[in-house]
Amino acid sequence: MFLKHVELEDIENNDGWTNKVDIYGYENKVWVMAHGFFKEYPTRDFENTKNKIDSIIAKLKEVSFKIIYIKQY
């Protein structure tokens, strides 16, 4: 089951490239996609998936990313 989609963008990007990261949360995994590549993180359940998404977002915010889109299902 698809749970959440979060899109983040690098706010300090000045080189003309669009640096976006998409995070997709499913019932038992989280996918992080950027520049055509993706990393999958297995999770145990819905709560663990939410925690993993929040953890990834916090790390990206530390390096100048901001949330530009969230869709919760």
Protein backbone atom coordinates (compact mmCIF):
# COMPACT_ATOMS: atom_id res chain seq x y z
CA MET A 1 0.00 0.00 0.00
CA PHE A 2 1.32 3.44 -0.97
CA LEU A 3 1.39 5.74 2.07
CA LYS A 4 3.25 8.97 1.35
CA HIS A 5 5.17 10.93 -1.29
CA VAL A 6 7.53 13.77 -0.26
CA GLU A 7 9.53 15.91 -2.69
CA LEU A 8 12.45 18.04 -1.51
CA GLU A 9 14.61 20.56 -3.35
CA ASP A 10 18.08 21.96 -2.62
CA ILE A 11 17.55 25.63 -1.69
CA GLU A 12 21.24 26.53 -2.00
CA ASN A 13 21.54 25.27 -5.56
CA ASN A 14 23.00 27.99 -7.76
CA ASP A 15 24.39 25.99 -10.67
CA GLY A 16 21.24 25.73 -12.81
CA TRP A 17 20.63 22.07 -12.02
CA THR A 18 17.43 21.08 -10.28
CA ASN A 19 18.45 19.04 -7.27
CA LYS A 20 15.30 17.25 -6.19
CA VAL A 21 14.81 14.20 -4.04
CA ASP A 22 11.62 12.14 -4.00
CA ILE A 23 10.74 9.93 -1.06
CA TYR A 24 8.05 7.28 -1.45
CA GLY A 25 6.74 5.45 1.59
CA TYR A 26 5.05 2.09 1.28
CA GLU A 27 3.72 -0.23 3.97
CA ASN A 28 7.02 -2.11 4.31
CA LYS A 29 9.66 -0.02 2.52
CA VAL A 30 10.83 3.49 1.73
CA TRP A 31 12.30 4.48 -1.64
CA VAL A 32 14.52 7.53 -2.00
CA MET A 33 14.97 8.67 -5.61
CA ALA A 34 17.32 11.30 -7.03
CA HIS A 35 18.74 11.83 -10.54
CA GLY A 36 17.34 8.53 -11.80
CA PHE A 37 18.83 6.43 -9.00
CA PHE A 38 17.03 5.00 -6.01
CA LYS A 39 17.78 3.43 -2.66
CA GLU A 40 15.34 1.12 -0.93
CA TYR A 41 15.05 0.91 2.86
CA PRO A 42 13.03 -2.05 4.18
CA THR A 43 10.73 -1.27 7.12
CA ARG A 44 8.71 -3.42 9.50
CA ASP A 45 5.37 -1.66 9.48
CA PHE A 46 3.49 1.59 8.89
CA GLU A 47 4.91 3.34 12.00
CA ASN A 48 8.47 2.32 11.13
CA THR A 49 7.94 3.64 7.59
CA LYS A 50 6.77 7.04 8.92
CA ASN A 51 9.79 7.22 11.25
CA LYS A 52 12.22 6.37 8.42
CA ILE A 53 10.72 9.06 6.15
CA ASP A 54 10.99 11.64 8.94
CA SER A 55 14.60 10.63 9.58
CA ILE A 56 15.55 11.00 5.90
CA ILE A 57 13.80 14.39 5.68
CA ALA A 58 15.68 15.61 8.77
CA LYS A 59 19.02 14.59 7.25
CA LEU A 60 18.22 16.33 3.96
CA LYS A 61 17.15 19.52 5.76
CA GLU A 62 20.55 19.59 7.47
CA VAL A 63 22.20 19.95 4.04
CA SER A 64 19.95 22.74 2.70
CA PHE A 65 16.95 20.85 1.32
CA LYS A 66 13.38 22.01 1.90
CA ILE A 67 10.07 20.23 1.43
CA ILE A 68 8.21 21.43 -1.67
CA TYR A 69 5.48 18.78 -1.89
CA ILE A 70 3.81 16.25 0.39
CA LYS A 71 0.98 13.89 -0.45
CA GLN A 72 -0.32 11.63 2.30
CA TYR A 73 -2.53 8.67 1.46
